[in-house]
Amino acid sequence: MTNTAQPQVAEIVTFSLKDGTDEAAFLQTLRTTQTWVDGMPGFLGRQVTRGPDGRWTDHILWTDATCAKAAQDSFGQQDFAPDMGEALNHETVEMRHETVFMAAP
């Protein structure tokens, strides 16, 4: 376990898919977003999870708030954005950025 002095930022997005969304197609779109995220300055890591209630959570770790904000601002301009927008139930989307005080591998 590492106690970090860096102002790393966790981007946490929770959402549900629209009824009738093809999960395999959604997962392919997620893989496409990963290619983009990998190239973003400040990207440190990512996990996408789904809970037993069917809600998804996208956990992304950034080196700092500036990088997290730049990615957020750029997201809607990407080629995959319409596909993501079509898959997500927008009434369920919640995004927040939190300062990381402790991280462990």
N, C-alpha and C. Protein backbone atom coordinates (compact mmCIF):
# COMPACT_ATOMS: atom_id res chain seq x y z
N MET A 1 0.85 -1.18 0.00
CA MET A 1 0.00 0.00 0.00
C MET A 1 0.89 1.23 0.00
N THR A 2 0.53 2.20 -0.80
CA THR A 2 1.32 3.42 -0.91
C THR A 2 0.47 4.61 -0.51
N ASN A 3 1.01 5.42 0.35
CA ASN A 3 0.36 6.68 0.69
C ASN A 3 0.91 7.72 -0.26
N THR A 4 0.09 8.30 -1.07
CA THR A 4 0.58 9.17 -2.14
C THR A 4 0.46 10.64 -1.77
N ALA A 5 1.50 11.39 -2.05
CA ALA A 5 1.47 12.83 -1.83
C ALA A 5 1.04 13.56 -3.10
N GLN A 6 0.97 12.84 -4.21
CA GLN A 6 0.54 13.43 -5.48
C GLN A 6 -0.96 13.66 -5.45
N PRO A 7 -1.40 14.74 -6.07
CA PRO A 7 -2.84 15.02 -6.10
C PRO A 7 -3.56 14.22 -7.18
N GLN A 8 -3.41 12.89 -7.13
CA GLN A 8 -4.10 12.06 -8.13
C GLN A 8 -5.61 12.23 -7.98
N VAL A 9 -6.30 12.01 -9.09
CA VAL A 9 -7.75 12.18 -9.12
C VAL A 9 -8.40 10.91 -9.66
N ALA A 10 -9.42 10.46 -8.96
CA ALA A 10 -10.23 9.34 -9.41
C ALA A 10 -11.49 9.90 -10.08
N GLU A 11 -11.71 9.48 -11.31
CA GLU A 11 -12.94 9.82 -12.02
C GLU A 11 -13.85 8.61 -11.88
N ILE A 12 -15.04 8.83 -11.35
CA ILE A 12 -15.96 7.73 -11.07
C ILE A 12 -17.28 8.05 -11.78
N VAL A 13 -17.63 7.19 -12.73
CA VAL A 13 -18.86 7.39 -13.50
C VAL A 13 -19.73 6.15 -13.31
N THR A 14 -20.95 6.35 -12.82
CA THR A 14 -21.89 5.24 -12.69
C THR A 14 -23.04 5.46 -13.67
N PHE A 15 -23.55 4.36 -14.20
CA PHE A 15 -24.61 4.47 -15.20
C PHE A 15 -25.27 3.12 -15.40
N SER A 16 -26.43 3.16 -16.03
CA SER A 16 -27.11 1.96 -16.52
C SER A 16 -27.20 2.07 -18.03
N LEU A 17 -27.31 0.93 -18.66
CA LEU A 17 -27.52 0.91 -20.11
C LEU A 17 -29.01 1.09 -20.40
N LYS A 18 -29.31 1.62 -21.57
CA LYS A 18 -30.70 1.71 -22.01
C LYS A 18 -31.24 0.30 -22.19
N ASP A 19 -32.53 0.13 -21.92
CA ASP A 19 -33.17 -1.15 -22.18
C ASP A 19 -32.97 -1.52 -23.64
N GLY A 20 -32.63 -2.77 -23.89
CA GLY A 20 -32.44 -3.25 -25.24
C GLY A 20 -31.05 -3.06 -25.80
N THR A 21 -30.16 -2.44 -25.03
CA THR A 21 -28.78 -2.25 -25.51
C THR A 21 -28.08 -3.60 -25.61
N ASP A 22 -27.43 -3.84 -26.73
CA ASP A 22 -26.67 -5.06 -26.93
C ASP A 22 -25.37 -4.95 -26.12
N GLU A 23 -25.24 -5.81 -25.10
CA GLU A 23 -24.09 -5.71 -24.21
C GLU A 23 -22.77 -5.97 -24.93
N ALA A 24 -22.75 -6.90 -25.86
CA ALA A 24 -21.52 -7.19 -26.61
C ALA A 24 -21.08 -5.96 -27.41
N ALA A 25 -22.03 -5.27 -28.02
CA ALA A 25 -21.70 -4.06 -28.77
C ALA A 25 -21.22 -2.96 -27.83
N PHE A 26 -21.84 -2.86 -26.66
CA PHE A 26 -21.40 -1.88 -25.67
C PHE A 26 -19.97 -2.16 -25.22
N LEU A 27 -19.66 -3.42 -24.96
CA LEU A 27 -18.31 -3.78 -24.53
C LEU A 27 -17.28 -3.47 -25.61
N GLN A 28 -17.66 -3.64 -26.86
CA GLN A 28 -16.76 -3.27 -27.96
C GLN A 28 -16.52 -1.77 -27.97
N THR A 29 -17.56 -1.00 -27.74
CA THR A 29 -17.40 0.45 -27.66
C THR A 29 -16.50 0.82 -26.49
N LEU A 30 -16.65 0.14 -25.36
CA LEU A 30 -15.76 0.38 -24.22
C LEU A 30 -14.30 0.15 -24.60
N ARG A 31 -14.04 -0.92 -25.35
CA ARG A 31 -12.66 -1.18 -25.78
C ARG A 31 -12.14 -0.04 -26.66
N THR A 32 -13.02 0.52 -27.47
CA THR A 32 -12.63 1.66 -28.30
C THR A 32 -12.29 2.86 -27.43
N THR A 33 -13.09 3.09 -26.39
CA THR A 33 -12.78 4.22 -25.49
C THR A 33 -11.44 4.01 -24.81
N GLN A 34 -11.09 2.76 -24.54
CA GLN A 34 -9.82 2.49 -23.86
C GLN A 34 -8.63 2.90 -24.71
N THR A 35 -8.71 2.68 -26.00
CA THR A 35 -7.64 3.11 -26.89
C THR A 35 -7.43 4.61 -26.78
N TRP A 36 -8.52 5.35 -26.72
CA TRP A 36 -8.44 6.81 -26.56
C TRP A 36 -7.89 7.18 -25.18
N VAL A 37 -8.42 6.56 -24.13
CA VAL A 37 -7.97 6.86 -22.77
C VAL A 37 -6.48 6.59 -22.62
N ASP A 38 -6.01 5.48 -23.19
CA ASP A 38 -4.58 5.13 -23.10
C ASP A 38 -3.68 6.26 -23.61
N GLY A 39 -4.16 7.01 -24.58
CA GLY A 39 -3.36 8.08 -25.16
C GLY A 39 -3.51 9.43 -24.48
N MET A 40 -4.39 9.52 -23.50
CA MET A 40 -4.61 10.80 -22.82
C MET A 40 -3.51 11.09 -21.82
N PRO A 41 -3.01 12.32 -21.80
CA PRO A 41 -2.00 12.68 -20.80
C PRO A 41 -2.54 12.48 -19.39
N GLY A 42 -1.72 11.91 -18.54
CA GLY A 42 -2.08 11.75 -17.14
C GLY A 42 -2.85 10.49 -16.80
N PHE A 43 -3.15 9.65 -17.79
CA PHE A 43 -3.90 8.42 -17.52
C PHE A 43 -3.02 7.44 -16.75
N LEU A 44 -3.55 6.90 -15.64
CA LEU A 44 -2.81 5.95 -14.81
C LEU A 44 -3.42 4.55 -14.79
N GLY A 45 -4.74 4.45 -14.88
CA GLY A 45 -5.36 3.13 -14.83
C GLY A 45 -6.87 3.23 -14.91
N ARG A 46 -7.49 2.08 -15.17
CA ARG A 46 -8.95 2.07 -15.34
C ARG A 46 -9.50 0.70 -15.02
N GLN A 47 -10.66 0.70 -14.42
CA GLN A 47 -11.45 -0.52 -14.22
C GLN A 47 -12.90 -0.17 -14.54
N VAL A 48 -13.58 -1.07 -15.22
CA VAL A 48 -15.01 -0.92 -15.47
C VAL A 48 -15.67 -2.13 -14.83
N THR A 49 -16.64 -1.86 -13.96
CA THR A 49 -17.30 -2.94 -13.22
C THR A 49 -18.82 -2.84 -13.41
N ARG A 50 -19.49 -3.96 -13.12
CA ARG A 50 -20.96 -3.97 -13.13
C ARG A 50 -21.42 -4.64 -11.85
N GLY A 51 -22.34 -4.01 -11.16
CA GLY A 51 -22.86 -4.54 -9.91
C GLY A 51 -24.03 -5.49 -10.15
N PRO A 52 -24.45 -6.16 -9.09
CA PRO A 52 -25.56 -7.10 -9.21
C PRO A 52 -26.88 -6.44 -9.60
N ASP A 53 -26.97 -5.11 -9.40
CA ASP A 53 -28.18 -4.38 -9.80
C ASP A 53 -28.15 -3.96 -11.26
N GLY A 54 -27.05 -4.31 -11.98
CA GLY A 54 -26.94 -3.97 -13.39
C GLY A 54 -26.31 -2.61 -13.66
N ARG A 55 -26.04 -1.84 -12.60
CA ARG A 55 -25.38 -0.54 -12.80
C ARG A 55 -23.90 -0.75 -13.05
N TRP A 56 -23.36 0.03 -13.95
CA TRP A 56 -21.95 -0.02 -14.32
C TRP A 56 -21.22 1.11 -13.61
N THR A 57 -19.94 0.89 -13.34
CA THR A 57 -19.08 1.94 -12.79
C THR A 57 -17.77 1.94 -13.55
N ASP A 58 -17.41 3.10 -14.05
CA ASP A 58 -16.14 3.31 -14.75
C ASP A 58 -15.24 4.07 -13.79
N HIS A 59 -14.15 3.42 -13.37
CA HIS A 59 -13.20 4.01 -12.42
C HIS A 59 -11.93 4.34 -13.22
N ILE A 60 -11.58 5.61 -13.32
CA ILE A 60 -10.37 6.00 -14.04
C ILE A 60 -9.49 6.82 -13.10
N LEU A 61 -8.21 6.49 -13.08
CA LEU A 61 -7.25 7.19 -12.23
C LEU A 61 -6.38 8.11 -13.09
N TRP A 62 -6.32 9.38 -12.70
CA TRP A 62 -5.56 10.40 -13.41
C TRP A 62 -4.48 10.97 -12.50
N THR A 63 -3.41 11.47 -13.11
CA THR A 63 -2.33 12.06 -12.31
C THR A 63 -2.77 13.30 -11.57
N ASP A 64 -3.73 14.04 -12.14
CA ASP A 64 -4.18 15.27 -11.49
C ASP A 64 -5.52 15.71 -12.08
N ALA A 65 -6.09 16.73 -11.46
CA ALA A 65 -7.41 17.23 -11.87
C ALA A 65 -7.38 17.85 -13.26
N THR A 66 -6.27 18.46 -13.64
CA THR A 66 -6.17 19.08 -14.96
C THR A 66 -6.32 18.03 -16.06
N CYS A 67 -5.64 16.90 -15.89
CA CYS A 67 -5.73 15.82 -16.89
C CYS A 67 -7.14 15.22 -16.91
N ALA A 68 -7.73 15.04 -15.75
CA ALA A 68 -9.09 14.49 -15.68
C ALA A 68 -10.07 15.41 -16.40
N LYS A 69 -9.95 16.70 -16.17
CA LYS A 69 -10.85 17.67 -16.79
C LYS A 69 -10.64 17.72 -18.30
N ALA A 70 -9.39 17.65 -18.74
CA ALA A 70 -9.11 17.66 -20.18
C ALA A 70 -9.74 16.46 -20.86
N ALA A 71 -9.67 15.30 -20.24
CA ALA A 71 -10.29 14.10 -20.80
C ALA A 71 -11.80 14.26 -20.85
N GLN A 72 -12.38 14.76 -19.77
CA GLN A 72 -13.83 14.97 -19.73
C GLN A 72 -14.27 15.91 -20.85
N ASP A 73 -13.53 17.00 -21.03
CA ASP A 73 -13.88 17.98 -22.06
C ASP A 73 -13.73 17.42 -23.47
N SER A 74 -12.80 16.49 -23.66
CA SER A 74 -12.52 15.93 -24.98
C SER A 74 -13.43 14.76 -25.35
N PHE A 75 -14.01 14.11 -24.35
CA PHE A 75 -14.76 12.87 -24.55
C PHE A 75 -15.84 13.02 -25.62
N GLY A 76 -16.66 14.04 -25.52
CA GLY A 76 -17.79 14.21 -26.43
C GLY A 76 -17.40 14.48 -27.87
N GLN A 77 -16.13 14.81 -28.11
CA GLN A 77 -15.65 15.10 -29.46
C GLN A 77 -15.09 13.86 -30.16
N GLN A 78 -15.08 12.74 -29.47
CA GLN A 78 -14.47 11.53 -30.03
C GLN A 78 -15.46 10.78 -30.93
N ASP A 79 -14.93 10.02 -31.87
CA ASP A 79 -15.77 9.27 -32.81
C ASP A 79 -16.70 8.28 -32.12
N PHE A 80 -16.31 7.76 -30.97
CA PHE A 80 -17.12 6.77 -30.27
C PHE A 80 -18.23 7.40 -29.43
N ALA A 81 -18.21 8.71 -29.24
CA ALA A 81 -19.17 9.38 -28.36
C ALA A 81 -20.63 9.10 -28.73
N PRO A 82 -21.01 9.14 -30.02
CA PRO A 82 -22.41 8.84 -30.34
C PRO A 82 -22.83 7.43 -29.93
N ASP A 83 -21.93 6.45 -30.11
CA ASP A 83 -22.25 5.08 -29.72
C ASP A 83 -22.42 4.97 -28.21
N MET A 84 -21.56 5.64 -27.45
CA MET A 84 -21.71 5.63 -25.99
C MET A 84 -23.01 6.31 -25.60
N GLY A 85 -23.29 7.43 -26.24
CA GLY A 85 -24.52 8.15 -25.93
C GLY A 85 -25.76 7.34 -26.22
N GLU A 86 -25.71 6.54 -27.27
CA GLU A 86 -26.85 5.69 -27.63
C GLU A 86 -27.05 4.56 -26.63
N ALA A 87 -25.97 4.08 -26.03
CA ALA A 87 -26.04 2.92 -25.13
C ALA A 87 -26.46 3.29 -23.71
N LEU A 88 -26.12 4.50 -23.26
CA LEU A 88 -26.33 4.86 -21.86
C LEU A 88 -27.72 5.41 -21.60
N ASN A 89 -28.28 5.04 -20.47
CA ASN A 89 -29.51 5.66 -19.97
C ASN A 89 -29.07 6.95 -19.28
N HIS A 90 -29.25 8.07 -19.93
CA HIS A 90 -28.69 9.34 -19.45
C HIS A 90 -29.27 9.78 -18.12
N GLU A 91 -30.46 9.32 -17.78
CA GLU A 91 -31.05 9.67 -16.49
C GLU A 91 -30.30 9.03 -15.33
N THR A 92 -29.48 8.01 -15.62
CA THR A 92 -28.77 7.29 -14.56
C THR A 92 -27.30 7.68 -14.44
N VAL A 93 -26.81 8.50 -15.36
CA VAL A 93 -25.38 8.82 -15.38
C VAL A 93 -25.03 9.79 -14.25
N GLU A 94 -24.03 9.39 -13.47
CA GLU A 94 -23.49 10.25 -12.41
C GLU A 94 -21.98 10.24 -12.53
N MET A 95 -21.38 11.42 -12.58
CA MET A 95 -19.92 11.53 -12.68
C MET A 95 -19.41 12.40 -11.55
N ARG A 96 -18.29 11.97 -10.98
CA ARG A 96 -17.64 12.81 -9.98
C ARG A 96 -16.14 12.59 -10.05
N HIS A 97 -15.41 13.58 -9.57
CA HIS A 97 -13.95 13.50 -9.47
C HIS A 97 -13.60 13.64 -8.00
N GLU A 98 -12.74 12.75 -7.53
CA GLU A 98 -12.35 12.74 -6.13
C GLU A 98 -10.84 12.70 -6.01
N THR A 99 -10.30 13.38 -5.00
CA THR A 99 -8.87 13.34 -4.72
C THR A 99 -8.51 11.99 -4.11
N VAL A 100 -7.44 11.40 -4.59
CA VAL A 100 -6.97 10.11 -4.08
C VAL A 100 -6.03 10.38 -2.90
N PHE A 101 -6.36 9.80 -1.76
CA PHE A 101 -5.51 9.95 -0.58
C PHE A 101 -4.67 8.71 -0.32
N MET A 102 -5.08 7.58 -0.86
CA MET A 102 -4.33 6.35 -0.67
C MET A 102 -4.61 5.44 -1.85
N ALA A 103 -3.59 4.72 -2.30
CA ALA A 103 -3.76 3.77 -3.39
C ALA A 103 -2.92 2.54 -3.10
N ALA A 104 -3.40 1.40 -3.54
CA ALA A 104 -2.66 0.14 -3.40
C ALA A 104 -2.79 -0.62 -4.72
N PRO A 105 -1.76 -1.37 -5.09
CA PRO A 105 -1.83 -2.10 -6.36
C PRO A 105 -2.90 -3.18 -6.35
